[in-house]
Amino acid sequence: MTDARRGGFSVSVSKDYLTFSAAHFLTIPGHKCEALHGHNYVVTVVVDGLVDRSTGFVVDFAVVKKILRPVIDAIDHRVLVPTGNPAVVLRTEGNATVVEYRGARRFQFPTAHVAAVPVSDTTAELLAEYLARAVVAGLGSEGCGGVTGVLVDVEESPGQSGRFALLLEEVR
């Protein structure tokens, strides 16, 4: 994201605990991944920006981890269900969450095992966007200035990942 011709700074965070295991299904009719299946995801965050000369940081690693960890914890060991897709209907029946897909397929899970994610589908790319927006919101709440971009990479299996980058004027 940083223009190498002009130079720039970035920090990258990828830790063993910034991973999550989750089940999901894609909403692409006839696609192999339309069936319920799971992955062990690995998340990497790159934050571009100006260095605060008083600290020497673009952003403190600890701040990025503090922001991201609860978001990841909320989807870890859950069934990810996209709430932004009109083909998917979620409803609660007692302690269960019922998922209807295209009016034909029906899943039922203990509600505590479901993570309703505000995306149109649970692809690695859209999960990366969801996490990137959470990081940007958190950086703003933490008062981190000078940030010019955030990239999140969500690896669903070794060598296969989806990325989303947000270029910003500045997070204030």
N, C-alpha and C. Protein backbone atom coordinates (compact mmCIF):
# COMPACT_ATOMS: atom_id res chain seq x y z
N MET A 1 0.81 -1.19 0.00
CA MET A 1 0.00 0.00 0.00
C MET A 1 0.86 1.26 0.00
N THR A 2 1.96 1.25 0.71
CA THR A 2 2.85 2.40 0.71
C THR A 2 3.51 2.50 -0.65
N ASP A 3 3.58 3.71 -1.19
CA ASP A 3 4.23 3.95 -2.47
C ASP A 3 5.75 3.89 -2.26
N ALA A 4 6.38 2.82 -2.70
CA ALA A 4 7.81 2.59 -2.46
C ALA A 4 8.67 3.68 -3.09
N ARG A 5 8.17 4.34 -4.12
CA ARG A 5 8.95 5.40 -4.76
C ARG A 5 9.06 6.63 -3.85
N ARG A 6 8.07 6.84 -3.00
CA ARG A 6 8.09 7.99 -2.11
C ARG A 6 8.60 7.60 -0.73
N GLY A 7 8.66 6.33 -0.44
CA GLY A 7 9.04 5.89 0.90
C GLY A 7 7.82 5.92 1.81
N GLY A 8 7.93 5.29 2.92
CA GLY A 8 6.82 5.27 3.86
C GLY A 8 7.05 4.22 4.91
N PHE A 9 6.23 4.28 5.92
CA PHE A 9 6.34 3.36 7.04
C PHE A 9 5.09 2.50 7.16
N SER A 10 5.28 1.31 7.68
CA SER A 10 4.14 0.45 7.99
C SER A 10 4.55 -0.50 9.10
N VAL A 11 3.55 -1.01 9.80
CA VAL A 11 3.76 -2.06 10.78
C VAL A 11 2.88 -3.23 10.36
N SER A 12 3.33 -4.43 10.69
CA SER A 12 2.60 -5.64 10.36
C SER A 12 2.44 -6.46 11.63
N VAL A 13 1.24 -6.96 11.84
CA VAL A 13 0.96 -7.78 13.02
C VAL A 13 0.32 -9.08 12.57
N SER A 14 0.94 -10.20 12.96
CA SER A 14 0.40 -11.53 12.71
C SER A 14 0.88 -12.39 13.87
N LYS A 15 -0.01 -12.77 14.74
CA LYS A 15 0.34 -13.51 15.95
C LYS A 15 -0.42 -14.83 15.97
N ASP A 16 0.11 -15.78 16.76
CA ASP A 16 -0.56 -17.07 16.89
C ASP A 16 -1.99 -16.94 17.39
N TYR A 17 -2.26 -15.95 18.23
CA TYR A 17 -3.62 -15.79 18.76
C TYR A 17 -4.49 -14.89 17.88
N LEU A 18 -3.96 -14.39 16.77
CA LEU A 18 -4.80 -13.67 15.81
C LEU A 18 -5.18 -14.65 14.69
N THR A 19 -5.67 -15.78 15.12
CA THR A 19 -6.15 -16.84 14.23
C THR A 19 -7.53 -17.23 14.71
N PHE A 20 -8.28 -17.86 13.84
CA PHE A 20 -9.57 -18.38 14.27
C PHE A 20 -9.94 -19.60 13.43
N SER A 21 -10.69 -20.47 14.05
CA SER A 21 -11.23 -21.65 13.37
C SER A 21 -12.73 -21.43 13.25
N ALA A 22 -13.25 -21.67 12.07
CA ALA A 22 -14.68 -21.43 11.88
C ALA A 22 -15.22 -22.29 10.74
N ALA A 23 -16.50 -22.57 10.84
CA ALA A 23 -17.23 -23.23 9.76
C ALA A 23 -17.97 -22.15 8.98
N HIS A 24 -18.18 -22.40 7.71
CA HIS A 24 -18.96 -21.47 6.88
C HIS A 24 -19.42 -22.19 5.62
N PHE A 25 -20.24 -21.50 4.88
CA PHE A 25 -20.67 -21.99 3.57
C PHE A 25 -20.75 -20.78 2.66
N LEU A 26 -20.49 -20.99 1.37
CA LEU A 26 -20.61 -19.90 0.41
C LEU A 26 -21.99 -19.94 -0.23
N THR A 27 -22.43 -18.80 -0.67
CA THR A 27 -23.76 -18.71 -1.28
C THR A 27 -23.65 -18.59 -2.80
N ILE A 28 -22.88 -19.50 -3.37
CA ILE A 28 -22.71 -19.57 -4.83
C ILE A 28 -23.34 -20.90 -5.26
N PRO A 29 -24.52 -20.84 -5.86
CA PRO A 29 -25.22 -22.08 -6.22
C PRO A 29 -24.35 -23.03 -7.04
N GLY A 30 -24.29 -24.28 -6.58
CA GLY A 30 -23.55 -25.32 -7.28
C GLY A 30 -22.07 -25.35 -6.99
N HIS A 31 -21.55 -24.35 -6.29
CA HIS A 31 -20.12 -24.33 -5.97
C HIS A 31 -19.82 -25.35 -4.89
N LYS A 32 -18.67 -25.98 -4.98
CA LYS A 32 -18.24 -26.99 -4.01
C LYS A 32 -18.30 -26.45 -2.57
N CYS A 33 -17.98 -25.18 -2.39
CA CYS A 33 -17.93 -24.59 -1.05
C CYS A 33 -19.28 -24.08 -0.57
N GLU A 34 -20.34 -24.41 -1.32
CA GLU A 34 -21.69 -24.11 -0.85
C GLU A 34 -22.05 -25.02 0.33
N ALA A 35 -21.37 -26.16 0.42
CA ALA A 35 -21.57 -27.08 1.54
C ALA A 35 -20.87 -26.52 2.78
N LEU A 36 -21.42 -26.81 3.92
CA LEU A 36 -20.83 -26.38 5.19
C LEU A 36 -19.46 -27.04 5.34
N HIS A 37 -18.44 -26.22 5.62
CA HIS A 37 -17.08 -26.72 5.79
C HIS A 37 -16.33 -25.73 6.68
N GLY A 38 -15.07 -26.00 6.99
CA GLY A 38 -14.36 -25.11 7.89
C GLY A 38 -12.91 -24.88 7.51
N HIS A 39 -12.34 -23.88 8.18
CA HIS A 39 -10.94 -23.51 7.96
C HIS A 39 -10.31 -23.10 9.28
N ASN A 40 -9.00 -23.13 9.29
CA ASN A 40 -8.20 -22.53 10.36
C ASN A 40 -7.57 -21.28 9.74
N TYR A 41 -8.16 -20.12 10.05
CA TYR A 41 -7.77 -18.86 9.43
C TYR A 41 -6.60 -18.22 10.18
N VAL A 42 -5.74 -17.53 9.42
CA VAL A 42 -4.64 -16.76 9.98
C VAL A 42 -4.80 -15.32 9.49
N VAL A 43 -4.75 -14.38 10.42
CA VAL A 43 -4.98 -12.97 10.09
C VAL A 43 -3.68 -12.19 10.23
N THR A 44 -3.40 -11.37 9.21
CA THR A 44 -2.27 -10.44 9.25
C THR A 44 -2.83 -9.05 8.97
N VAL A 45 -2.37 -8.08 9.77
CA VAL A 45 -2.78 -6.69 9.60
C VAL A 45 -1.55 -5.86 9.30
N VAL A 46 -1.64 -5.00 8.28
CA VAL A 46 -0.58 -4.06 7.96
C VAL A 46 -1.19 -2.66 8.07
N VAL A 47 -0.54 -1.81 8.85
CA VAL A 47 -0.99 -0.43 9.02
C VAL A 47 0.09 0.48 8.46
N ASP A 48 -0.28 1.30 7.47
CA ASP A 48 0.62 2.28 6.87
C ASP A 48 0.37 3.64 7.51
N GLY A 49 1.41 4.43 7.58
CA GLY A 49 1.20 5.78 8.09
C GLY A 49 2.47 6.52 8.39
N LEU A 50 2.27 7.65 9.03
CA LEU A 50 3.37 8.50 9.44
C LEU A 50 3.91 8.00 10.76
N VAL A 51 5.19 8.18 10.97
CA VAL A 51 5.79 7.83 12.25
C VAL A 51 5.61 9.00 13.21
N ASP A 52 5.08 8.70 14.37
CA ASP A 52 4.99 9.69 15.45
C ASP A 52 6.42 9.82 16.00
N ARG A 53 7.03 10.95 15.79
CA ARG A 53 8.44 11.13 16.16
C ARG A 53 8.65 11.08 17.68
N SER A 54 7.59 11.28 18.47
CA SER A 54 7.76 11.20 19.93
C SER A 54 7.83 9.76 20.41
N THR A 55 7.23 8.81 19.64
CA THR A 55 7.25 7.40 20.05
C THR A 55 8.07 6.54 19.10
N GLY A 56 8.20 6.98 17.85
CA GLY A 56 8.86 6.16 16.83
C GLY A 56 7.92 5.14 16.20
N PHE A 57 6.62 5.19 16.53
CA PHE A 57 5.64 4.23 16.03
C PHE A 57 4.78 4.83 14.92
N VAL A 58 4.37 3.99 13.97
CA VAL A 58 3.22 4.30 13.13
C VAL A 58 2.00 4.12 14.02
N VAL A 59 1.94 2.96 14.65
CA VAL A 59 0.95 2.64 15.66
C VAL A 59 1.58 1.54 16.52
N ASP A 60 1.31 1.58 17.79
CA ASP A 60 1.86 0.58 18.70
C ASP A 60 1.27 -0.79 18.35
N PHE A 61 2.12 -1.81 18.25
CA PHE A 61 1.65 -3.16 17.98
C PHE A 61 0.56 -3.56 18.98
N ALA A 62 0.75 -3.18 20.24
CA ALA A 62 -0.20 -3.56 21.29
C ALA A 62 -1.59 -3.00 21.01
N VAL A 63 -1.68 -1.83 20.41
CA VAL A 63 -2.98 -1.23 20.09
C VAL A 63 -3.68 -2.05 19.01
N VAL A 64 -2.94 -2.45 17.98
CA VAL A 64 -3.54 -3.26 16.90
C VAL A 64 -4.06 -4.57 17.48
N LYS A 65 -3.26 -5.21 18.32
CA LYS A 65 -3.68 -6.49 18.92
C LYS A 65 -4.90 -6.29 19.83
N LYS A 66 -4.91 -5.22 20.59
CA LYS A 66 -6.03 -4.92 21.49
C LYS A 66 -7.33 -4.73 20.71
N ILE A 67 -7.24 -4.08 19.55
CA ILE A 67 -8.42 -3.85 18.71
C ILE A 67 -8.90 -5.14 18.08
N LEU A 68 -7.99 -5.91 17.52
CA LEU A 68 -8.36 -7.07 16.71
C LEU A 68 -8.76 -8.29 17.52
N ARG A 69 -8.14 -8.48 18.65
CA ARG A 69 -8.36 -9.72 19.40
C ARG A 69 -9.83 -9.97 19.76
N PRO A 70 -10.56 -8.99 20.30
CA PRO A 70 -11.97 -9.28 20.62
C PRO A 70 -12.83 -9.55 19.38
N VAL A 71 -12.50 -8.93 18.27
CA VAL A 71 -13.26 -9.17 17.03
C VAL A 71 -13.04 -10.61 16.57
N ILE A 72 -11.80 -11.06 16.63
CA ILE A 72 -11.48 -12.44 16.25
C ILE A 72 -12.08 -13.43 17.25
N ASP A 73 -11.99 -13.12 18.54
CA ASP A 73 -12.56 -14.01 19.56
C ASP A 73 -14.06 -14.24 19.33
N ALA A 74 -14.75 -13.21 18.82
CA ALA A 74 -16.19 -13.32 18.60
C ALA A 74 -16.57 -14.25 17.45
N ILE A 75 -15.62 -14.53 16.56
CA ILE A 75 -15.90 -15.43 15.43
C ILE A 75 -15.16 -16.76 15.51
N ASP A 76 -14.28 -16.89 16.51
CA ASP A 76 -13.49 -18.11 16.66
C ASP A 76 -14.36 -19.26 17.15
N HIS A 77 -14.18 -20.41 16.55
CA HIS A 77 -14.92 -21.63 16.89
C HIS A 77 -16.43 -21.41 16.79
N ARG A 78 -16.84 -20.77 15.71
CA ARG A 78 -18.24 -20.50 15.45
C ARG A 78 -18.57 -20.89 14.01
N VAL A 79 -19.84 -20.93 13.73
CA VAL A 79 -20.33 -21.05 12.36
C VAL A 79 -20.57 -19.62 11.90
N LEU A 80 -19.89 -19.20 10.84
CA LEU A 80 -20.03 -17.84 10.32
C LEU A 80 -21.21 -17.79 9.36
N VAL A 81 -22.14 -16.90 9.65
CA VAL A 81 -23.33 -16.77 8.81
C VAL A 81 -23.40 -15.33 8.31
N PRO A 82 -23.47 -15.15 6.98
CA PRO A 82 -23.53 -13.79 6.43
C PRO A 82 -24.92 -13.18 6.63
N THR A 83 -24.95 -12.00 7.26
CA THR A 83 -26.26 -11.36 7.48
C THR A 83 -26.61 -10.37 6.38
N GLY A 84 -25.68 -10.11 5.47
CA GLY A 84 -25.93 -9.16 4.39
C GLY A 84 -26.33 -9.82 3.09
N ASN A 85 -26.83 -11.04 3.16
CA ASN A 85 -27.18 -11.77 1.95
C ASN A 85 -28.67 -12.09 1.98
N PRO A 86 -29.44 -11.62 0.99
CA PRO A 86 -30.89 -11.87 0.99
C PRO A 86 -31.27 -13.35 0.85
N ALA A 87 -30.34 -14.20 0.41
CA ALA A 87 -30.63 -15.63 0.27
C ALA A 87 -30.50 -16.37 1.60
N VAL A 88 -30.00 -15.68 2.63
CA VAL A 88 -29.79 -16.29 3.94
C VAL A 88 -30.71 -15.61 4.95
N VAL A 89 -31.49 -16.43 5.64
CA VAL A 89 -32.39 -15.93 6.67
C VAL A 89 -32.02 -16.59 7.99
N LEU A 90 -31.84 -15.77 9.00
CA LEU A 90 -31.48 -16.24 10.35
C LEU A 90 -32.64 -15.96 11.28
N ARG A 91 -32.93 -16.91 12.14
CA ARG A 91 -33.91 -16.64 13.19
C ARG A 91 -33.60 -17.50 14.40
N THR A 92 -33.99 -17.00 15.55
CA THR A 92 -33.74 -17.71 16.79
C THR A 92 -35.00 -18.44 17.21
N GLU A 93 -34.83 -19.69 17.60
CA GLU A 93 -35.91 -20.52 18.12
C GLU A 93 -35.42 -21.11 19.43
N GLY A 94 -35.78 -20.48 20.53
CA GLY A 94 -35.28 -20.92 21.82
C GLY A 94 -33.78 -20.71 21.90
N ASN A 95 -33.03 -21.75 22.18
CA ASN A 95 -31.57 -21.66 22.27
C ASN A 95 -30.88 -22.00 20.95
N ALA A 96 -31.67 -22.12 19.89
CA ALA A 96 -31.11 -22.49 18.59
C ALA A 96 -31.23 -21.34 17.60
N THR A 97 -30.29 -21.31 16.68
CA THR A 97 -30.36 -20.39 15.55
C THR A 97 -30.61 -21.23 14.31
N VAL A 98 -31.66 -20.88 13.60
CA VAL A 98 -32.03 -21.58 12.38
C VAL A 98 -31.55 -20.73 11.20
N VAL A 99 -30.87 -21.38 10.26
CA VAL A 99 -30.37 -20.72 9.07
C VAL A 99 -31.07 -21.33 7.88
N GLU A 100 -31.81 -20.50 7.17
CA GLU A 100 -32.44 -20.93 5.92
C GLU A 100 -31.67 -20.31 4.78
N TYR A 101 -31.38 -21.11 3.78
CA TYR A 101 -30.60 -20.66 2.64
C TYR A 101 -31.36 -20.97 1.36
N ARG A 102 -31.70 -19.94 0.62
CA ARG A 102 -32.46 -20.05 -0.63
C ARG A 102 -33.78 -20.79 -0.43
N GLY A 103 -34.30 -20.73 0.78
CA GLY A 103 -35.58 -21.33 1.07
C GLY A 103 -35.57 -22.85 1.10
N ALA A 104 -34.45 -23.48 0.80
CA ALA A 104 -34.42 -24.94 0.71
C ALA A 104 -33.53 -25.57 1.78
N ARG A 105 -32.33 -25.07 1.89
CA ARG A 105 -31.38 -25.66 2.83
C ARG A 105 -31.63 -25.08 4.21
N ARG A 106 -31.56 -25.90 5.20
CA ARG A 106 -31.82 -25.43 6.56
C ARG A 106 -30.80 -26.04 7.51
N PHE A 107 -30.15 -25.16 8.25
CA PHE A 107 -29.22 -25.57 9.29
C PHE A 107 -29.79 -25.13 10.63
N GLN A 108 -29.48 -25.86 11.65
CA GLN A 108 -29.85 -25.46 13.00
C GLN A 108 -28.64 -25.68 13.90
N PHE A 109 -28.25 -24.61 14.61
CA PHE A 109 -27.08 -24.64 15.47
C PHE A 109 -27.42 -24.07 16.83
N PRO A 110 -26.72 -24.49 17.87
CA PRO A 110 -26.87 -23.78 19.14
C PRO A 110 -26.50 -22.31 18.92
N THR A 111 -27.31 -21.40 19.39
CA THR A 111 -27.08 -19.97 19.15
C THR A 111 -25.68 -19.54 19.60
N ALA A 112 -25.19 -20.10 20.69
CA ALA A 112 -23.86 -19.73 21.19
C ALA A 112 -22.75 -20.12 20.21
N HIS A 113 -23.04 -20.96 19.23
CA HIS A 113 -22.03 -21.41 18.27
C HIS A 113 -22.09 -20.67 16.95
N VAL A 114 -22.95 -19.65 16.86
CA VAL A 114 -23.14 -18.91 15.61
C VAL A 114 -22.58 -17.51 15.74
N ALA A 115 -21.88 -17.07 14.71
CA ALA A 115 -21.44 -15.67 14.60
C ALA A 115 -22.09 -15.08 13.36
N ALA A 116 -23.01 -14.17 13.59
CA ALA A 116 -23.66 -13.46 12.49
C ALA A 116 -22.70 -12.35 12.05
N VAL A 117 -22.22 -12.44 10.81
CA VAL A 117 -21.21 -11.50 10.32
C VAL A 117 -21.86 -10.60 9.27
N PRO A 118 -21.69 -9.28 9.41
CA PRO A 118 -22.34 -8.35 8.48
C PRO A 118 -21.62 -8.26 7.13
N VAL A 119 -21.67 -9.34 6.39
CA VAL A 119 -21.08 -9.42 5.05
C VAL A 119 -22.09 -10.11 4.13
N SER A 120 -21.91 -9.97 2.82
CA SER A 120 -22.82 -10.63 1.89
C SER A 120 -22.47 -12.09 1.67
N ASP A 121 -21.23 -12.46 1.97
CA ASP A 121 -20.80 -13.84 1.89
C ASP A 121 -19.57 -13.99 2.78
N THR A 122 -19.25 -15.20 3.18
CA THR A 122 -18.15 -15.40 4.12
C THR A 122 -16.88 -15.85 3.41
N THR A 123 -16.58 -15.18 2.30
CA THR A 123 -15.32 -15.44 1.60
C THR A 123 -14.17 -14.82 2.39
N ALA A 124 -12.96 -15.27 2.13
CA ALA A 124 -11.78 -14.71 2.79
C ALA A 124 -11.67 -13.21 2.51
N GLU A 125 -12.00 -12.80 1.28
CA GLU A 125 -11.92 -11.39 0.91
C GLU A 125 -12.88 -10.54 1.74
N LEU A 126 -14.12 -10.99 1.87
CA LEU A 126 -15.11 -10.20 2.60
C LEU A 126 -14.88 -10.26 4.10
N LEU A 127 -14.33 -11.35 4.60
CA LEU A 127 -13.94 -11.40 6.01
C LEU A 127 -12.79 -10.43 6.26
N ALA A 128 -11.86 -10.32 5.30
CA ALA A 128 -10.75 -9.37 5.42
C ALA A 128 -11.29 -7.94 5.47
N GLU A 129 -12.29 -7.64 4.64
CA GLU A 129 -12.88 -6.30 4.66
C GLU A 129 -13.54 -6.02 6.01
N TYR A 130 -14.30 -6.98 6.51
CA TYR A 130 -14.95 -6.85 7.83
C TYR A 130 -13.92 -6.55 8.92
N LEU A 131 -12.82 -7.30 8.93
CA LEU A 131 -11.79 -7.10 9.94
C LEU A 131 -11.05 -5.78 9.73
N ALA A 132 -10.79 -5.39 8.49
CA ALA A 132 -10.10 -4.12 8.22
C ALA A 132 -10.94 -2.95 8.72
N ARG A 133 -12.23 -3.00 8.48
CA ARG A 133 -13.10 -1.90 8.94
C ARG A 133 -13.14 -1.85 10.47
N ALA A 134 -13.08 -3.01 11.12
CA ALA A 134 -13.02 -3.04 12.59
C ALA A 134 -11.72 -2.42 13.08
N VAL A 135 -10.61 -2.70 12.40
CA VAL A 135 -9.32 -2.12 12.78
C VAL A 135 -9.35 -0.60 12.61
N VAL A 136 -9.86 -0.13 11.49
CA VAL A 136 -9.92 1.31 11.25
C VAL A 136 -10.78 2.00 12.31
N ALA A 137 -11.93 1.43 12.61
CA ALA A 137 -12.79 2.01 13.65
C ALA A 137 -12.07 2.03 15.00
N GLY A 138 -11.38 0.95 15.31
CA GLY A 138 -10.66 0.87 16.58
C GLY A 138 -9.51 1.87 16.66
N LEU A 139 -8.78 2.04 15.55
CA LEU A 139 -7.68 3.01 15.54
C LEU A 139 -8.22 4.41 15.78
N GLY A 140 -9.37 4.71 15.18
CA GLY A 140 -10.00 6.01 15.40
C GLY A 140 -10.39 6.20 16.86
N SER A 141 -10.97 5.15 17.46
CA SER A 141 -11.37 5.21 18.87
C SER A 141 -10.17 5.36 19.79
N GLU A 142 -9.04 4.79 19.39
CA GLU A 142 -7.82 4.85 20.20
C GLU A 142 -7.06 6.15 19.99
N GLY A 143 -7.55 7.00 19.07
CA GLY A 143 -6.88 8.27 18.83
C GLY A 143 -5.58 8.16 18.07
N CYS A 144 -5.46 7.14 17.24
CA CYS A 144 -4.24 6.94 16.46
C CYS A 144 -4.29 7.82 15.22
N GLY A 145 -3.47 8.83 15.18
CA GLY A 145 -3.42 9.72 14.03
C GLY A 145 -2.30 9.31 13.09
N GLY A 146 -2.33 9.86 11.90
CA GLY A 146 -1.25 9.61 10.96
C GLY A 146 -1.37 8.33 10.17
N VAL A 147 -2.44 7.55 10.40
CA VAL A 147 -2.61 6.29 9.66
C VAL A 147 -3.14 6.63 8.26
N THR A 148 -2.50 6.06 7.24
CA THR A 148 -2.90 6.33 5.86
C THR A 148 -3.50 5.12 5.16
N GLY A 149 -3.37 3.95 5.77
CA GLY A 149 -3.93 2.77 5.14
C GLY A 149 -3.90 1.57 6.07
N VAL A 150 -4.85 0.68 5.85
CA VAL A 150 -4.92 -0.58 6.60
C VAL A 150 -5.17 -1.68 5.60
N LEU A 151 -4.38 -2.74 5.66
CA LEU A 151 -4.57 -3.92 4.84
C LEU A 151 -4.73 -5.10 5.79
N VAL A 152 -5.74 -5.92 5.51
CA VAL A 152 -5.92 -7.16 6.28
C VAL A 152 -5.89 -8.32 5.30
N ASP A 153 -5.11 -9.32 5.66
CA ASP A 153 -4.98 -10.56 4.89
C ASP A 153 -5.58 -11.68 5.73
N VAL A 154 -6.52 -12.41 5.17
CA VAL A 154 -7.13 -13.56 5.85
C VAL A 154 -6.76 -14.80 5.05
N GLU A 155 -5.89 -15.61 5.63
CA GLU A 155 -5.45 -16.85 4.99
C GLU A 155 -6.37 -17.97 5.48
N GLU A 156 -7.05 -18.64 4.53
CA GLU A 156 -7.96 -19.72 4.94
C GLU A 156 -7.28 -21.08 4.91
N SER A 157 -6.19 -21.18 4.18
CA SER A 157 -5.34 -22.37 4.21
C SER A 157 -3.98 -21.92 3.68
N PRO A 158 -2.92 -22.66 3.98
CA PRO A 158 -1.59 -22.20 3.55
C PRO A 158 -1.55 -21.90 2.06
N GLY A 159 -1.11 -20.68 1.75
CA GLY A 159 -0.98 -20.28 0.36
C GLY A 159 -2.23 -19.73 -0.28
N GLN A 160 -3.33 -19.65 0.47
CA GLN A 160 -4.61 -19.16 -0.05
C GLN A 160 -5.16 -18.11 0.88
N SER A 161 -5.22 -16.87 0.40
CA SER A 161 -5.74 -15.82 1.27
C SER A 161 -6.50 -14.78 0.47
N GLY A 162 -7.32 -14.04 1.18
CA GLY A 162 -8.03 -12.90 0.61
C GLY A 162 -7.58 -11.66 1.37
N ARG A 163 -7.47 -10.56 0.66
CA ARG A 163 -7.00 -9.32 1.27
C ARG A 163 -7.97 -8.20 0.99
N PHE A 164 -7.95 -7.22 1.91
CA PHE A 164 -8.71 -5.99 1.70
C PHE A 164 -7.86 -4.85 2.22
N ALA A 165 -7.73 -3.80 1.41
CA ALA A 165 -6.97 -2.62 1.79
C ALA A 165 -7.87 -1.41 1.80
N LEU A 166 -7.76 -0.61 2.84
CA LEU A 166 -8.45 0.67 2.93
C LEU A 166 -7.39 1.76 2.90
N LEU A 167 -7.49 2.65 1.95
CA LEU A 167 -6.60 3.80 1.90
C LEU A 167 -7.35 4.95 2.56
N LEU A 168 -6.69 5.61 3.48
CA LEU A 168 -7.34 6.64 4.29
C LEU A 168 -6.62 7.96 4.15
N GLU A 169 -7.35 9.02 4.36
CA GLU A 169 -6.70 10.32 4.47
C GLU A 169 -5.87 10.30 5.75
N GLU A 170 -6.53 9.98 6.84
CA GLU A 170 -5.90 9.82 8.14
C GLU A 170 -6.97 9.36 9.11
N VAL A 171 -6.60 8.49 10.01
CA VAL A 171 -7.51 8.12 11.11
C VAL A 171 -7.19 9.09 12.24
N ARG A 172 -8.18 9.79 12.71
CA ARG A 172 -7.96 10.76 13.80
C ARG A 172 -8.62 10.27 15.05
